[in-house]
């Protein structure tokens, strides 16, 4: 296995992984075998009520191990966020800066110090990478361990088709009713998928699963299954700790599988603090070239 050189696409995959992260942790939340039924709407409301609240968030040390089918590399990162305003991630290796990424409600920016270039654009790049609708609100929901839907419905019906059930001691929010999913998986699958996507005005058929702790209503696992493109993103949250009287995940394991890639990420965090007035320290050097 060889050492990896981090490129632009890899950095964005790393960034998305970091957004699922939080603070130093040492407590694992337990699960329960027998759960009472709960409606999808009630479950969504319970998760929203228990989402992490903050004005400013700083994570000064994030240890990451990134692995693909033929390479492996480790690096460090830090994260700073002003709730609803910006999310900034700085990536370094051997104490040397590798990249800095800044998200605002309207823009995506990244400086690549290794290749001396930068990227400025909107969320379409991340949407193309993940094959799902992503905006600042979705990213903010992930960062605060809140529920989110990959769909961006203009009529505010993102969760319209979500159903809930219990699985292995956790509640599950599923983005498509089992009956409709079963119909699509039967004979004539491609035709039914095309018809369903046309109805939703979407390009990819994605089934989303959110696994939720029944006692704390914290998200423990996220699965994004892109049936159309044969891609699946799985994120596991573990080792929760009380921070500022709130629970937040600390250990995050990510797996992105597609016909072209088999990517894994392990994230461990420390030096977490709440800051009421975090600063943006993002600057593009004058001689750097713009890339697309």
C-alpha atoms as a PDB file:
ATOM      1  CA  UNK A   1       0.000   0.000   0.000  1.00  0.00           C
ATOM      2  CA  UNK A   2       1.446   3.360  -1.014  1.00  0.00           C
ATOM      3  CA  UNK A   3       1.163   6.771   0.562  1.00  0.00           C
ATOM      4  CA  UNK A   4      -1.488   9.003  -0.961  1.00  0.00           C
ATOM      5  CA  UNK A   5      -1.115  12.482  -2.430  1.00  0.00           C
ATOM      6  CA  UNK A   6      -4.202  14.469  -1.481  1.00  0.00           C
ATOM      7  CA  UNK A   7      -5.936  16.015  -4.514  1.00  0.00           C
ATOM      8  CA  UNK A   8      -8.898  18.364  -4.932  1.00  0.00           C
ATOM      9  CA  UNK A   9     -11.584  15.662  -5.068  1.00  0.00           C
ATOM     10  CA  UNK A  10     -10.108  13.825  -2.086  1.00  0.00           C
ATOM     11  CA  UNK A  11     -10.086  17.032  -0.068  1.00  0.00           C
ATOM     12  CA  UNK A  12     -13.795  17.535  -0.657  1.00  0.00           C
ATOM     13  CA  UNK A  13     -14.513  13.935   0.378  1.00  0.00           C
ATOM     14  CA  UNK A  14     -12.422  14.552   3.495  1.00  0.00           C
ATOM     15  CA  UNK A  15     -14.293  17.783   4.164  1.00  0.00           C
ATOM     16  CA  UNK A  16     -17.702  16.116   3.948  1.00  0.00           C
ATOM     17  CA  UNK A  17     -16.437  13.466   6.354  1.00  0.00           C
ATOM     18  CA  UNK A  18     -15.286  16.117   8.819  1.00  0.00           C
ATOM     19  CA  UNK A  19     -18.729  17.674   8.849  1.00  0.00           C
ATOM     20  CA  UNK A  20     -20.035  14.585  10.560  1.00  0.00           C
ATOM     21  CA  UNK A  21     -17.586  15.151  13.399  1.00  0.00           C
ATOM     22  CA  UNK A  22     -17.701  16.877  16.764  1.00  0.00           C
ATOM     23  CA  UNK A  23     -15.750  16.735  20.005  1.00  0.00           C
ATOM     24  CA  UNK A  24     -13.539  14.564  22.165  1.00  0.00           C
ATOM     25  CA  UNK A  25     -15.508  11.620  23.465  1.00  0.00           C
ATOM     26  CA  UNK A  26     -15.362   8.746  25.932  1.00  0.00           C
ATOM     27  CA  UNK A  27     -18.922   7.580  26.510  1.00  0.00           C
ATOM     28  CA  UNK A  28     -20.773   5.112  24.283  1.00  0.00           C
ATOM     29  CA  UNK A  29     -24.560   5.385  24.099  1.00  0.00           C
ATOM     30  CA  UNK A  30     -26.241   2.020  24.569  1.00  0.00           C
ATOM     31  CA  UNK A  31     -29.100   0.648  22.486  1.00  0.00           C
ATOM     32  CA  UNK A  32     -32.301  -1.096  23.510  1.00  0.00           C
ATOM     33  CA  UNK A  33     -33.834  -4.282  22.170  1.00  0.00           C
ATOM     34  CA  UNK A  34     -37.562  -3.543  22.581  1.00  0.00           C
ATOM     35  CA  UNK A  35     -38.833  -0.217  21.354  1.00  0.00           C
ATOM     36  CA  UNK A  36     -42.299   1.260  21.267  1.00  0.00           C
ATOM     37  CA  UNK A  37     -43.530   2.322  17.823  1.00  0.00           C
ATOM     38  CA  UNK A  38     -43.135   6.020  17.053  1.00  0.00           C
ATOM     39  CA  UNK A  39     -44.325   8.003  14.044  1.00  0.00           C
ATOM     40  CA  UNK A  40     -41.825   9.512  11.608  1.00  0.00           C
ATOM     41  CA  UNK A  41     -43.045  13.040  12.403  1.00  0.00           C
ATOM     42  CA  UNK A  42     -42.675  12.507  16.142  1.00  0.00           C
ATOM     43  CA  UNK A  43     -39.219  10.978  15.704  1.00  0.00           C
ATOM     44  CA  UNK A  44     -38.061  13.874  13.525  1.00  0.00           C
ATOM     45  CA  UNK A  45     -39.344  16.375  16.099  1.00  0.00           C
ATOM     46  CA  UNK A  46     -37.562  14.563  18.954  1.00  0.00           C
ATOM     47  CA  UNK A  47     -34.245  14.606  17.070  1.00  0.00           C
ATOM     48  CA  UNK A  48     -34.638  18.297  16.214  1.00  0.00           C
ATOM     49  CA  UNK A  49     -35.328  19.120  19.855  1.00  0.00           C
ATOM     50  CA  UNK A  50     -32.135  17.314  20.905  1.00  0.00           C
ATOM     51  CA  UNK A  51     -29.855  18.710  18.178  1.00  0.00           C
ATOM     52  CA  UNK A  52     -26.648  20.369  19.360  1.00  0.00           C
ATOM     53  CA  UNK A  53     -27.032  24.121  19.874  1.00  0.00           C
ATOM     54  CA  UNK A  54     -24.164  26.599  19.737  1.00  0.00           C
ATOM     55  CA  UNK A  55     -23.236  30.120  18.689  1.00  0.00           C
ATOM     56  CA  UNK A  56     -19.634  29.286  17.881  1.00  0.00           C
ATOM     57  CA  UNK A  57     -17.833  25.952  17.718  1.00  0.00           C
ATOM     58  CA  UNK A  58     -14.078  25.250  17.671  1.00  0.00           C
ATOM     59  CA  UNK A  59     -12.403  21.848  17.343  1.00  0.00           C
ATOM     60  CA  UNK A  60      -8.673  22.412  17.475  1.00  0.00           C
ATOM     61  CA  UNK A  61      -7.458  18.845  16.913  1.00  0.00           C
ATOM     62  CA  UNK A  62      -9.010  16.297  14.545  1.00  0.00           C
ATOM     63  CA  UNK A  63      -6.924  13.197  13.772  1.00  0.00           C
ATOM     64  CA  UNK A  64      -7.894  11.533  10.490  1.00  0.00           C
ATOM     65  CA  UNK A  65      -6.886   8.351   8.687  1.00  0.00           C
ATOM     66  CA  UNK A  66      -7.965   8.227   5.042  1.00  0.00           C
ATOM     67  CA  UNK A  67      -7.759   4.966   3.076  1.00  0.00           C
ATOM     68  CA  UNK A  68      -8.583   3.960  -0.484  1.00  0.00           C
ATOM     69  CA  UNK A  69      -8.149   0.615  -2.253  1.00  0.00           C
ATOM     70  CA  UNK A  70      -4.498   1.369  -3.096  1.00  0.00           C
ATOM     71  CA  UNK A  71      -3.345   4.112  -0.727  1.00  0.00           C
ATOM     72  CA  UNK A  72      -3.466   5.309   2.848  1.00  0.00           C
ATOM     73  CA  UNK A  73      -2.623   8.611   4.498  1.00  0.00           C
ATOM     74  CA  UNK A  74      -3.090  10.329   7.841  1.00  0.00           C
ATOM     75  CA  UNK A  75      -3.426  14.026   8.558  1.00  0.00           C
ATOM     76  CA  UNK A  76      -4.781  16.510  11.066  1.00  0.00           C
ATOM     77  CA  UNK A  77      -7.486  19.113  10.809  1.00  0.00           C
ATOM     78  CA  UNK A  78      -9.316  21.752  12.802  1.00  0.00           C
ATOM     79  CA  UNK A  79     -12.828  23.128  12.476  1.00  0.00           C
ATOM     80  CA  UNK A  80     -14.431  26.454  13.322  1.00  0.00           C
ATOM     81  CA  UNK A  81     -18.072  27.384  12.823  1.00  0.00           C
ATOM     82  CA  UNK A  82     -20.407  30.280  13.441  1.00  0.00           C
ATOM     83  CA  UNK A  83     -23.874  28.753  13.588  1.00  0.00           C
ATOM     84  CA  UNK A  84     -25.802  29.610  10.433  1.00  0.00           C
ATOM     85  CA  UNK A  85     -22.954  31.827   9.154  1.00  0.00           C
ATOM     86  CA  UNK A  86     -19.909  29.774   8.159  1.00  0.00           C
ATOM     87  CA  UNK A  87     -18.031  26.491   8.564  1.00  0.00           C
ATOM     88  CA  UNK A  88     -14.260  26.510   8.119  1.00  0.00           C
ATOM     89  CA  UNK A  89     -11.963  23.464   8.003  1.00  0.00           C
ATOM     90  CA  UNK A  90      -8.162  23.607   7.974  1.00  0.00           C
ATOM     91  CA  UNK A  91      -6.177  20.499   6.947  1.00  0.00           C
ATOM     92  CA  UNK A  92      -2.471  19.920   7.678  1.00  0.00           C
ATOM     93  CA  UNK A  93       0.117  17.134   7.432  1.00  0.00           C
ATOM     94  CA  UNK A  94       3.430  17.014   9.309  1.00  0.00           C
ATOM     95  CA  UNK A  95       2.585  20.477  10.664  1.00  0.00           C
ATOM     96  CA  UNK A  96       2.427  21.871   7.125  1.00  0.00           C
ATOM     97  CA  UNK A  97      -0.804  23.415   5.759  1.00  0.00           C
ATOM     98  CA  UNK A  98      -2.493  21.297   3.083  1.00  0.00           C
ATOM     99  CA  UNK A  99      -5.819  23.029   2.497  1.00  0.00           C
ATOM    100  CA  UNK A 100      -8.400  25.367   3.974  1.00  0.00           C
ATOM    101  CA  UNK A 101     -12.102  25.117   3.140  1.00  0.00           C
ATOM    102  CA  UNK A 102     -14.813  27.681   3.831  1.00  0.00           C
ATOM    103  CA  UNK A 103     -18.561  27.202   3.517  1.00  0.00           C
ATOM    104  CA  UNK A 104     -21.058  30.039   3.779  1.00  0.00           C
ATOM    105  CA  UNK A 105     -24.797  29.966   2.998  1.00  0.00           C
ATOM    106  CA  UNK A 106     -24.029  31.046  -0.589  1.00  0.00           C
ATOM    107  CA  UNK A 107     -20.559  29.759  -1.462  1.00  0.00           C
ATOM    108  CA  UNK A 108     -17.934  27.016  -1.304  1.00  0.00           C
ATOM    109  CA  UNK A 109     -14.256  28.046  -1.249  1.00  0.00           C
ATOM    110  CA  UNK A 110     -11.051  26.081  -0.902  1.00  0.00           C
ATOM    111  CA  UNK A 111      -7.346  26.880  -0.980  1.00  0.00           C
ATOM    112  CA  UNK A 112      -4.992  24.006  -1.892  1.00  0.00           C
ATOM    113  CA  UNK A 113      -1.552  24.907  -0.523  1.00  0.00           C
ATOM    114  CA  UNK A 114       0.125  21.862  -2.071  1.00  0.00           C
ATOM    115  CA  UNK A 115      -0.853  22.680  -5.646  1.00  0.00           C
ATOM    116  CA  UNK A 116      -0.951  26.453  -5.110  1.00  0.00           C
ATOM    117  CA  UNK A 117      -4.468  26.882  -6.458  1.00  0.00           C
ATOM    118  CA  UNK A 118      -7.938  27.652  -5.183  1.00  0.00           C
ATOM    119  CA  UNK A 119     -11.588  26.874  -5.886  1.00  0.00           C
ATOM    120  CA  UNK A 120     -14.554  29.245  -5.654  1.00  0.00           C
ATOM    121  CA  UNK A 121     -18.078  28.198  -6.498  1.00  0.00           C
ATOM    122  CA  UNK A 122     -21.424  27.049  -5.165  1.00  0.00           C
ATOM    123  CA  UNK A 123     -22.747  23.771  -3.799  1.00  0.00           C
ATOM    124  CA  UNK A 124     -23.157  22.145  -7.210  1.00  0.00           C
ATOM    125  CA  UNK A 125     -19.619  20.710  -6.935  1.00  0.00           C
ATOM    126  CA  UNK A 126     -20.453  18.867  -3.709  1.00  0.00           C
ATOM    127  CA  UNK A 127     -23.819  17.823  -5.145  1.00  0.00           C
ATOM    128  CA  UNK A 128     -22.090  16.291  -8.169  1.00  0.00           C
ATOM    129  CA  UNK A 129     -19.587  14.522  -5.939  1.00  0.00           C
ATOM    130  CA  UNK A 130     -22.193  12.986  -3.635  1.00  0.00           C
ATOM    131  CA  UNK A 131     -24.994  12.648  -6.173  1.00  0.00           C
ATOM    132  CA  UNK A 132     -27.474  14.350  -3.843  1.00  0.00           C
ATOM    133  CA  UNK A 133     -28.783  17.830  -3.122  1.00  0.00           C
ATOM    134  CA  UNK A 134     -26.547  19.602  -0.596  1.00  0.00           C
ATOM    135  CA  UNK A 135     -26.679  23.170   0.654  1.00  0.00           C
ATOM    136  CA  UNK A 136     -25.467  25.043   3.724  1.00  0.00           C
ATOM    137  CA  UNK A 137     -28.576  24.108   5.682  1.00  0.00           C
ATOM    138  CA  UNK A 138     -27.969  20.387   5.101  1.00  0.00           C
ATOM    139  CA  UNK A 139     -24.317  20.735   6.134  1.00  0.00           C
ATOM    140  CA  UNK A 140     -25.337  22.675   9.259  1.00  0.00           C
ATOM    141  CA  UNK A 141     -27.829  19.921  10.156  1.00  0.00           C
ATOM    142  CA  UNK A 142     -25.106  17.280   9.867  1.00  0.00           C
ATOM    143  CA  UNK A 143     -22.729  19.314  12.029  1.00  0.00           C
ATOM    144  CA  UNK A 144     -25.346  19.702  14.773  1.00  0.00           C
ATOM    145  CA  UNK A 145     -26.364  16.012  14.617  1.00  0.00           C
ATOM    146  CA  UNK A 146     -29.832  16.973  13.404  1.00  0.00           C
ATOM    147  CA  UNK A 147     -32.121  15.214  10.921  1.00  0.00           C
ATOM    148  CA  UNK A 148     -31.853  16.201   7.270  1.00  0.00           C
ATOM    149  CA  UNK A 149     -33.195  15.129   3.916  1.00  0.00           C
ATOM    150  CA  UNK A 150     -31.132  14.920   0.739  1.00  0.00           C
ATOM    151  CA  UNK A 151     -34.205  16.232  -1.121  1.00  0.00           C
ATOM    152  CA  UNK A 152     -34.701  19.981  -1.461  1.00  0.00           C
ATOM    153  CA  UNK A 153     -38.456  20.236  -2.028  1.00  0.00           C
ATOM    154  CA  UNK A 154     -39.663  23.715  -2.976  1.00  0.00           C
ATOM    155  CA  UNK A 155     -42.960  22.999  -1.193  1.00  0.00           C
ATOM    156  CA  UNK A 156     -41.134  22.172   2.051  1.00  0.00           C
ATOM    157  CA  UNK A 157     -42.097  18.501   1.896  1.00  0.00           C
ATOM    158  CA  UNK A 158     -38.587  17.055   2.270  1.00  0.00           C
ATOM    159  CA  UNK A 159     -39.781  14.465   4.808  1.00  0.00           C
ATOM    160  CA  UNK A 160     -43.135  13.709   3.198  1.00  0.00           C
ATOM    161  CA  UNK A 161     -42.403  10.061   2.349  1.00  0.00           C
ATOM    162  CA  UNK A 162     -40.236   9.220   5.369  1.00  0.00           C
ATOM    163  CA  UNK A 163     -41.287   6.239   7.483  1.00  0.00           C
ATOM    164  CA  UNK A 164     -40.044   5.040  10.872  1.00  0.00           C
ATOM    165  CA  UNK A 165     -39.386   1.604  12.356  1.00  0.00           C
ATOM    166  CA  UNK A 166     -37.084  -0.160  14.837  1.00  0.00           C
ATOM    167  CA  UNK A 167     -33.961  -2.103  13.877  1.00  0.00           C
ATOM    168  CA  UNK A 168     -31.306  -3.616  16.176  1.00  0.00           C
ATOM    169  CA  UNK A 169     -32.299  -1.461  19.135  1.00  0.00           C
ATOM    170  CA  UNK A 170     -32.376   1.810  17.199  1.00  0.00           C
ATOM    171  CA  UNK A 171     -35.122   3.823  15.560  1.00  0.00           C
ATOM    172  CA  UNK A 172     -34.757   4.233  11.808  1.00  0.00           C
ATOM    173  CA  UNK A 173     -35.996   7.037   9.571  1.00  0.00           C
ATOM    174  CA  UNK A 174     -36.241   5.816   5.969  1.00  0.00           C
ATOM    175  CA  UNK A 175     -36.831   8.204   3.071  1.00  0.00           C
ATOM    176  CA  UNK A 176     -39.116   5.887   1.106  1.00  0.00           C
ATOM    177  CA  UNK A 177     -42.036   3.726   2.151  1.00  0.00           C
ATOM    178  CA  UNK A 178     -41.239   0.003   2.160  1.00  0.00           C
ATOM    179  CA  UNK A 179     -44.141  -0.776  -0.152  1.00  0.00           C
ATOM    180  CA  UNK A 180     -42.913   1.656  -2.796  1.00  0.00           C
ATOM    181  CA  UNK A 181     -39.334   0.463  -2.370  1.00  0.00           C
ATOM    182  CA  UNK A 182     -40.455  -3.160  -2.819  1.00  0.00           C
ATOM    183  CA  UNK A 183     -42.320  -2.276  -6.017  1.00  0.00           C
ATOM    184  CA  UNK A 184     -39.259  -0.593  -7.455  1.00  0.00           C
ATOM    185  CA  UNK A 185     -37.064  -3.577  -6.599  1.00  0.00           C
ATOM    186  CA  UNK A 186     -39.360  -6.005  -8.422  1.00  0.00           C
ATOM    187  CA  UNK A 187     -39.442  -6.718 -12.145  1.00  0.00           C
ATOM    188  CA  UNK A 188     -39.290  -3.575 -14.241  1.00  0.00           C
ATOM    189  CA  UNK A 189     -36.976  -1.876 -11.735  1.00  0.00           C
ATOM    190  CA  UNK A 190     -35.310   0.498 -14.222  1.00  0.00           C
ATOM    191  CA  UNK A 191     -38.637   1.668 -15.651  1.00  0.00           C
ATOM    192  CA  UNK A 192     -40.117   2.267 -12.200  1.00  0.00           C
ATOM    193  CA  UNK A 193     -37.023   4.157 -11.075  1.00  0.00           C
ATOM    194  CA  UNK A 194     -37.162   6.381 -14.163  1.00  0.00           C
ATOM    195  CA  UNK A 195     -40.845   7.073 -13.559  1.00  0.00           C
ATOM    196  CA  UNK A 196     -40.224   7.863  -9.885  1.00  0.00           C
ATOM    197  CA  UNK A 197     -37.313  10.205 -10.666  1.00  0.00           C
ATOM    198  CA  UNK A 198     -39.337  12.012 -13.320  1.00  0.00           C
ATOM    199  CA  UNK A 199     -42.095  12.583 -10.784  1.00  0.00           C
ATOM    200  CA  UNK A 200     -39.620  14.058  -8.299  1.00  0.00           C
ATOM    201  CA  UNK A 201     -37.658  15.917 -10.997  1.00  0.00           C
ATOM    202  CA  UNK A 202     -34.416  14.270  -9.813  1.00  0.00           C
ATOM    203  CA  UNK A 203     -31.540  12.496 -11.561  1.00  0.00           C
ATOM    204  CA  UNK A 204     -30.589   9.809  -9.020  1.00  0.00           C
ATOM    205  CA  UNK A 205     -32.683   7.379  -7.007  1.00  0.00           C
ATOM    206  CA  UNK A 206     -31.333   7.662  -3.454  1.00  0.00           C
ATOM    207  CA  UNK A 207     -32.696   5.934  -0.367  1.00  0.00           C
ATOM    208  CA  UNK A 208     -31.708   7.609   2.886  1.00  0.00           C
ATOM    209  CA  UNK A 209     -31.567   5.928   6.315  1.00  0.00           C
ATOM    210  CA  UNK A 210     -31.049   7.700   9.655  1.00  0.00           C
ATOM    211  CA  UNK A 211     -30.466   5.432  12.691  1.00  0.00           C
ATOM    212  CA  UNK A 212     -31.413   7.151  15.949  1.00  0.00           C
ATOM    213  CA  UNK A 213     -30.726   6.367  19.600  1.00  0.00           C
ATOM    214  CA  UNK A 214     -34.099   5.772  21.353  1.00  0.00           C
ATOM    215  CA  UNK A 215     -33.076   7.366  24.644  1.00  0.00           C
ATOM    216  CA  UNK A 216     -31.111  10.458  23.593  1.00  0.00           C
ATOM    217  CA  UNK A 217     -32.539  10.873  20.064  1.00  0.00           C
ATOM    218  CA  UNK A 218     -29.050  11.384  18.699  1.00  0.00           C
ATOM    219  CA  UNK A 219     -28.226  10.217  15.171  1.00  0.00           C
ATOM    220  CA  UNK A 220     -26.002   7.130  15.400  1.00  0.00           C
ATOM    221  CA  UNK A 221     -25.706   6.180  11.737  1.00  0.00           C
ATOM    222  CA  UNK A 222     -26.433   7.652   8.305  1.00  0.00           C
ATOM    223  CA  UNK A 223     -26.725   5.650   5.084  1.00  0.00           C
ATOM    224  CA  UNK A 224     -27.161   7.247   1.655  1.00  0.00           C
ATOM    225  CA  UNK A 225     -27.813   4.507  -0.917  1.00  0.00           C
ATOM    226  CA  UNK A 226     -27.647   5.793  -4.506  1.00  0.00           C
ATOM    227  CA  UNK A 227     -29.345   2.959  -6.388  1.00  0.00           C
ATOM    228  CA  UNK A 228     -28.989   4.644  -9.786  1.00  0.00           C
ATOM    229  CA  UNK A 229     -25.223   5.100  -9.667  1.00  0.00           C
ATOM    230  CA  UNK A 230     -24.385   2.141  -7.431  1.00  0.00           C
ATOM    231  CA  UNK A 231     -22.892   4.368  -4.720  1.00  0.00           C
ATOM    232  CA  UNK A 232     -23.329   4.151  -0.962  1.00  0.00           C
ATOM    233  CA  UNK A 233     -22.166   6.453   1.826  1.00  0.00           C
ATOM    234  CA  UNK A 234     -22.243   5.067   5.385  1.00  0.00           C
ATOM    235  CA  UNK A 235     -21.307   7.112   8.459  1.00  0.00           C
ATOM    236  CA  UNK A 236     -21.217   5.623  11.964  1.00  0.00           C
ATOM    237  CA  UNK A 237     -21.198   7.856  15.063  1.00  0.00           C
ATOM    238  CA  UNK A 238     -19.819   6.427  18.311  1.00  0.00           C
ATOM    239  CA  UNK A 239     -18.434   7.448  21.717  1.00  0.00           C
ATOM    240  CA  UNK A 240     -20.670  10.278  22.889  1.00  0.00           C
ATOM    241  CA  UNK A 241     -19.629  12.786  25.561  1.00  0.00           C
ATOM    242  CA  UNK A 242     -21.439  15.484  27.511  1.00  0.00           C
ATOM    243  CA  UNK A 243     -20.198  18.874  26.295  1.00  0.00           C
ATOM    244  CA  UNK A 244     -21.828  22.011  27.615  1.00  0.00           C
ATOM    245  CA  UNK A 245     -24.670  19.867  29.012  1.00  0.00           C
ATOM    246  CA  UNK A 246     -25.253  18.385  25.541  1.00  0.00           C
ATOM    247  CA  UNK A 247     -24.295  15.102  23.886  1.00  0.00           C
ATOM    248  CA  UNK A 248     -22.163  15.056  20.759  1.00  0.00           C
ATOM    249  CA  UNK A 249     -20.495  12.249  18.754  1.00  0.00           C
ATOM    250  CA  UNK A 250     -16.734  11.953  18.921  1.00  0.00           C
ATOM    251  CA  UNK A 251     -15.639   8.912  16.926  1.00  0.00           C
ATOM    252  CA  UNK A 252     -16.779   8.826  13.317  1.00  0.00           C
ATOM    253  CA  UNK A 253     -16.189   6.061  10.789  1.00  0.00           C
ATOM    254  CA  UNK A 254     -17.052   6.789   7.168  1.00  0.00           C
ATOM    255  CA  UNK A 255     -17.248   4.448   4.176  1.00  0.00           C
ATOM    256  CA  UNK A 256     -17.904   5.624   0.606  1.00  0.00           C
ATOM    257  CA  UNK A 257     -18.339   2.797  -1.894  1.00  0.00           C
ATOM    258  CA  UNK A 258     -18.879   3.201  -5.645  1.00  0.00           C
ATOM    259  CA  UNK A 259     -17.913   1.352  -8.834  1.00  0.00           C
ATOM    260  CA  UNK A 260     -14.818   3.575  -9.027  1.00  0.00           C
ATOM    261  CA  UNK A 261     -13.894   4.091  -5.365  1.00  0.00           C
ATOM    262  CA  UNK A 262     -13.707   2.327  -2.022  1.00  0.00           C
ATOM    263  CA  UNK A 263     -12.884   5.083   0.453  1.00  0.00           C
ATOM    264  CA  UNK A 264     -12.714   4.874   4.247  1.00  0.00           C
ATOM    265  CA  UNK A 265     -12.169   7.521   6.878  1.00  0.00           C
ATOM    266  CA  UNK A 266     -11.585   7.267  10.628  1.00  0.00           C
ATOM    267  CA  UNK A 267     -11.901  10.496  12.618  1.00  0.00           C
ATOM    268  CA  UNK A 268     -10.911  11.147  16.241  1.00  0.00           C
ATOM    269  CA  UNK A 269     -11.361  14.542  17.905  1.00  0.00           C
ATOM    270  CA  UNK A 270     -10.047  16.564  20.869  1.00  0.00           C
ATOM    271  CA  UNK A 271      -9.620  20.117  22.172  1.00  0.00           C
ATOM    272  CA  UNK A 272     -13.242  21.034  21.683  1.00  0.00           C
ATOM    273  CA  UNK A 273     -14.623  24.389  22.842  1.00  0.00           C
ATOM    274  CA  UNK A 274     -17.644  26.631  22.471  1.00  0.00           C
ATOM    275  CA  UNK A 275     -16.909  30.160  21.280  1.00  0.00           C
ATOM    276  CA  UNK A 276     -19.569  32.851  21.127  1.00  0.00           C
ATOM    277  CA  UNK A 277     -17.653  34.862  18.498  1.00  0.00           C
ATOM    278  CA  UNK A 278     -15.502  32.683  16.195  1.00  0.00           C
ATOM    279  CA  UNK A 279     -13.425  34.351  13.468  1.00  0.00           C
ATOM    280  CA  UNK A 280     -12.980  33.489   9.784  1.00  0.00           C
ATOM    281  CA  UNK A 281      -9.291  33.201   8.870  1.00  0.00           C
ATOM    282  CA  UNK A 282      -9.667  32.411   5.174  1.00  0.00           C
ATOM    283  CA  UNK A 283      -7.413  34.153   2.639  1.00  0.00           C
ATOM    284  CA  UNK A 284      -6.458  33.268  -0.942  1.00  0.00           C
ATOM    285  CA  UNK A 285      -2.781  34.037  -1.721  1.00  0.00           C
ATOM    286  CA  UNK A 286      -2.375  36.504  -4.603  1.00  0.00           C
ATOM    287  CA  UNK A 287      -0.354  34.236  -6.929  1.00  0.00           C
ATOM    288  CA  UNK A 288      -2.608  31.158  -6.602  1.00  0.00           C
ATOM    289  CA  UNK A 289      -4.457  30.040  -9.742  1.00  0.00           C
ATOM    290  CA  UNK A 290      -8.182  29.389  -9.844  1.00  0.00           C
ATOM    291  CA  UNK A 291      -9.264  25.830 -10.616  1.00  0.00           C
ATOM    292  CA  UNK A 292     -12.590  24.206 -11.466  1.00  0.00           C
END
